[in-house]
C-alpha atoms as a PDB file:
ATOM      1  CA  MET A   1      38.249 -38.411 -20.409  1.00  0.00           C
ATOM      2  CA  LYS A   2      34.653 -39.017 -21.806  1.00  0.00           C
ATOM      3  CA  ARG A   3      33.000 -39.415 -18.664  1.00  0.00           C
ATOM      4  CA  LEU A   4      34.729 -35.539 -16.973  1.00  0.00           C
ATOM      5  CA  ARG A   5      33.864 -34.041 -20.153  1.00  0.00           C
ATOM      6  CA  LEU A   6      29.821 -34.791 -20.207  1.00  0.00           C
ATOM      7  CA  THR A   7      30.052 -33.891 -16.430  1.00  0.00           C
ATOM      8  CA  THR A   8      31.119 -30.503 -17.423  1.00  0.00           C
ATOM      9  CA  THR A   9      28.369 -30.204 -19.983  1.00  0.00           C
ATOM     10  CA  ALA A  10      25.824 -31.539 -17.740  1.00  0.00           C
ATOM     11  CA  MET A  11      27.002 -28.795 -15.011  1.00  0.00           C
ATOM     12  CA  LEU A  12      27.420 -25.962 -17.301  1.00  0.00           C
ATOM     13  CA  LEU A  13      23.142 -26.723 -18.274  1.00  0.00           C
ATOM     14  CA  ALA A  14      22.060 -27.215 -15.347  1.00  0.00           C
ATOM     15  CA  LEU A  15      23.583 -23.833 -14.189  1.00  0.00           C
ATOM     16  CA  ALA A  16      22.743 -22.018 -17.334  1.00  0.00           C
ATOM     17  CA  THR A  17      19.122 -23.260 -16.832  1.00  0.00           C
ATOM     18  CA  TRP A  18      19.026 -22.326 -12.870  1.00  0.00           C
ATOM     19  CA  SER A  19      20.290 -18.591 -13.853  1.00  0.00           C
ATOM     20  CA  SER A  20      17.599 -17.558 -16.618  1.00  0.00           C
ATOM     21  CA  ALA A  21      14.995 -19.343 -13.964  1.00  0.00           C
ATOM     22  CA  GLY A  22      17.170 -16.232 -11.359  1.00  0.00           C
ATOM     23  CA  ALA A  23      15.582 -13.706 -13.578  1.00  0.00           C
ATOM     24  CA  GLN A  24      13.317 -11.083 -12.092  1.00  0.00           C
ATOM     25  CA  VAL A  25      10.889  -8.986 -13.759  1.00  0.00           C
ATOM     26  CA  THR A  26      10.430  -4.951 -12.718  1.00  0.00           C
ATOM     27  CA  ILE A  27       7.266  -3.011 -13.026  1.00  0.00           C
ATOM     28  CA  ASP A  28       6.486   0.280 -12.529  1.00  0.00           C
ATOM     29  CA  VAL A  29       3.058   1.151 -10.625  1.00  0.00           C
ATOM     30  CA  ALA A  30       2.757   4.121 -11.176  1.00  0.00           C
ATOM     31  CA  LYS A  31       2.165   2.920 -15.214  1.00  0.00           C
ATOM     32  CA  ILE A  32      -0.027   0.032 -14.051  1.00  0.00           C
ATOM     33  CA  THR A  33      -3.762   1.263 -15.178  1.00  0.00           C
ATOM     34  CA  CYS A  34      -7.741   0.581 -13.826  1.00  0.00           C
ATOM     35  CA  ASP A  35      -7.845  -1.795 -16.462  1.00  0.00           C
ATOM     36  CA  GLN A  36      -4.881  -3.606 -15.650  1.00  0.00           C
ATOM     37  CA  PHE A  37      -5.622  -3.708 -12.040  1.00  0.00           C
ATOM     38  CA  THR A  38      -8.704  -5.021 -12.059  1.00  0.00           C
ATOM     39  CA  LEU A  39      -8.803  -7.539 -14.628  1.00  0.00           C
ATOM     40  CA  TYR A  40      -5.882  -9.187 -13.182  1.00  0.00           C
ATOM     41  CA  LYS A  41      -3.527  -8.226 -16.229  1.00  0.00           C
ATOM     42  CA  VAL A  42      -0.289  -7.615 -14.049  1.00  0.00           C
ATOM     43  CA  THR A  43      -0.550  -9.849 -10.400  1.00  0.00           C
ATOM     44  CA  ASP A  44      -3.276  -9.681  -8.016  1.00  0.00           C
ATOM     45  CA  PRO A  45      -4.901  -6.811  -7.235  1.00  0.00           C
ATOM     46  CA  GLN A  46      -4.299  -7.708  -3.404  1.00  0.00           C
ATOM     47  CA  ASN A  47      -0.363  -7.576  -4.251  1.00  0.00           C
ATOM     48  CA  ILE A  48      -0.576  -3.793  -5.933  1.00  0.00           C
ATOM     49  CA  ALA A  49      -2.717  -2.894  -2.823  1.00  0.00           C
ATOM     50  CA  ILE A  50      -0.310  -4.201  -0.691  1.00  0.00           C
ATOM     51  CA  TRP A  51       2.342  -2.283  -2.123  1.00  0.00           C
ATOM     52  CA  LEU A  52       0.641   0.799  -2.614  1.00  0.00           C
ATOM     53  CA  SER A  53      -0.141   0.557   1.331  1.00  0.00           C
ATOM     54  CA  GLY A  54       3.207   0.190   1.951  1.00  0.00           C
ATOM     55  CA  TYR A  55       4.611   2.961  -0.309  1.00  0.00           C
ATOM     56  CA  TYR A  56       2.384   5.927   1.065  1.00  0.00           C
ATOM     57  CA  HIS A  57       2.536   4.599   4.605  1.00  0.00           C
ATOM     58  CA  GLY A  58       6.021   5.320   4.042  1.00  0.00           C
ATOM     59  CA  GLN A  59       5.637   8.360   2.541  1.00  0.00           C
ATOM     60  CA  ARG A  60       3.643   9.333   5.549  1.00  0.00           C
ATOM     61  CA  ARG A  61       6.587   7.398   8.322  1.00  0.00           C
ATOM     62  CA  GLU A  62       3.830   5.024   9.483  1.00  0.00           C
ATOM     63  CA  THR A  63       4.658   1.908  10.600  1.00  0.00           C
ATOM     64  CA  THR A  64       1.138  -0.010  11.707  1.00  0.00           C
ATOM     65  CA  VAL A  65      -1.380  -0.877   8.976  1.00  0.00           C
ATOM     66  CA  ASP A  66      -4.994  -2.160   9.778  1.00  0.00           C
ATOM     67  CA  THR A  67      -5.499  -4.975   7.894  1.00  0.00           C
ATOM     68  CA  GLN A  68      -8.859  -5.009   7.463  1.00  0.00           C
ATOM     69  CA  GLU A  69      -8.394  -1.213   6.830  1.00  0.00           C
ATOM     70  CA  LEU A  70      -6.692  -2.163   3.691  1.00  0.00           C
ATOM     71  CA  ALA A  71      -9.274  -4.377   2.388  1.00  0.00           C
ATOM     72  CA  THR A  72     -11.407  -2.246   3.170  1.00  0.00           C
ATOM     73  CA  TYR A  73      -9.298   0.151   0.519  1.00  0.00           C
ATOM     74  CA  GLN A  74      -8.938  -2.240  -1.842  1.00  0.00           C
ATOM     75  CA  ARG A  75     -12.674  -2.705  -2.480  1.00  0.00           C
ATOM     76  CA  LYS A  76     -12.805   1.233  -3.336  1.00  0.00           C
ATOM     77  CA  VAL A  77     -10.251   1.680  -5.209  1.00  0.00           C
ATOM     78  CA  GLN A  78     -11.464  -1.585  -7.008  1.00  0.00           C
ATOM     79  CA  ASP A  79     -14.998   0.113  -7.641  1.00  0.00           C
ATOM     80  CA  TYR A  80     -13.441   2.807  -8.195  1.00  0.00           C
ATOM     81  CA  CYS A  81     -11.200   1.633 -11.413  1.00  0.00           C
ATOM     82  CA  ILE A  82     -14.189  -0.093 -12.358  1.00  0.00           C
ATOM     83  CA  LEU A  83     -15.772   3.174 -13.241  1.00  0.00           C
ATOM     84  CA  ASN A  84     -12.247   4.739 -14.831  1.00  0.00           C
ATOM     85  CA  PRO A  85     -10.232   1.827 -16.272  1.00  0.00           C
ATOM     86  CA  GLN A  86      -8.302   4.786 -18.183  1.00  0.00           C
ATOM     87  CA  VAL A  87      -6.704   6.164 -15.254  1.00  0.00           C
ATOM     88  CA  THR A  88      -3.332   4.698 -13.444  1.00  0.00           C
ATOM     89  CA  VAL A  89      -4.126   3.146 -10.124  1.00  0.00           C
ATOM     90  CA  MET A  90      -1.555   6.061  -8.574  1.00  0.00           C
ATOM     91  CA  GLN A  91      -3.835   8.498  -9.823  1.00  0.00           C
ATOM     92  CA  ALA A  92      -7.450   6.351  -8.451  1.00  0.00           C
ATOM     93  CA  VAL A  93      -5.907   6.631  -4.990  1.00  0.00           C
ATOM     94  CA  GLU A  94      -4.945  10.008  -5.084  1.00  0.00           C
ATOM     95  CA  SER A  95      -7.612  10.752  -6.407  1.00  0.00           C
ATOM     96  CA  MET A  96      -9.048   9.265  -3.243  1.00  0.00           C
ATOM     97  CA  LEU A  97      -6.977  10.630  -0.798  1.00  0.00           C
ATOM     98  CA  ARG A  98      -8.087  13.970  -1.514  1.00  0.00           C
ATOM     99  CA  ALA A  99     -12.041  12.970  -1.176  1.00  0.00           C
ATOM    100  CA  PRO A 100     -13.330  13.703   1.957  1.00  0.00           C
END
């Protein structure tokens, strides 16, 4: 009986640990500032750039991505963000998309 109780307790602890480890963090990309982007405060800027690329390509219903162009664009966004740290990254991208 004691062995069964110990086994049950161990299994419950293992499940409790496993379920909390599976917790997800959600991020509203529209609220990420350039400061957070350039200083890696949320995640690697490349991850955000990939997400933004997918978002804007999806809006245009484009299914292809030029990876070299993505890297170049990421650098341009970072340069813009260094000069404008309080702007959101999405505002930065949209202002760059409007520029000739």
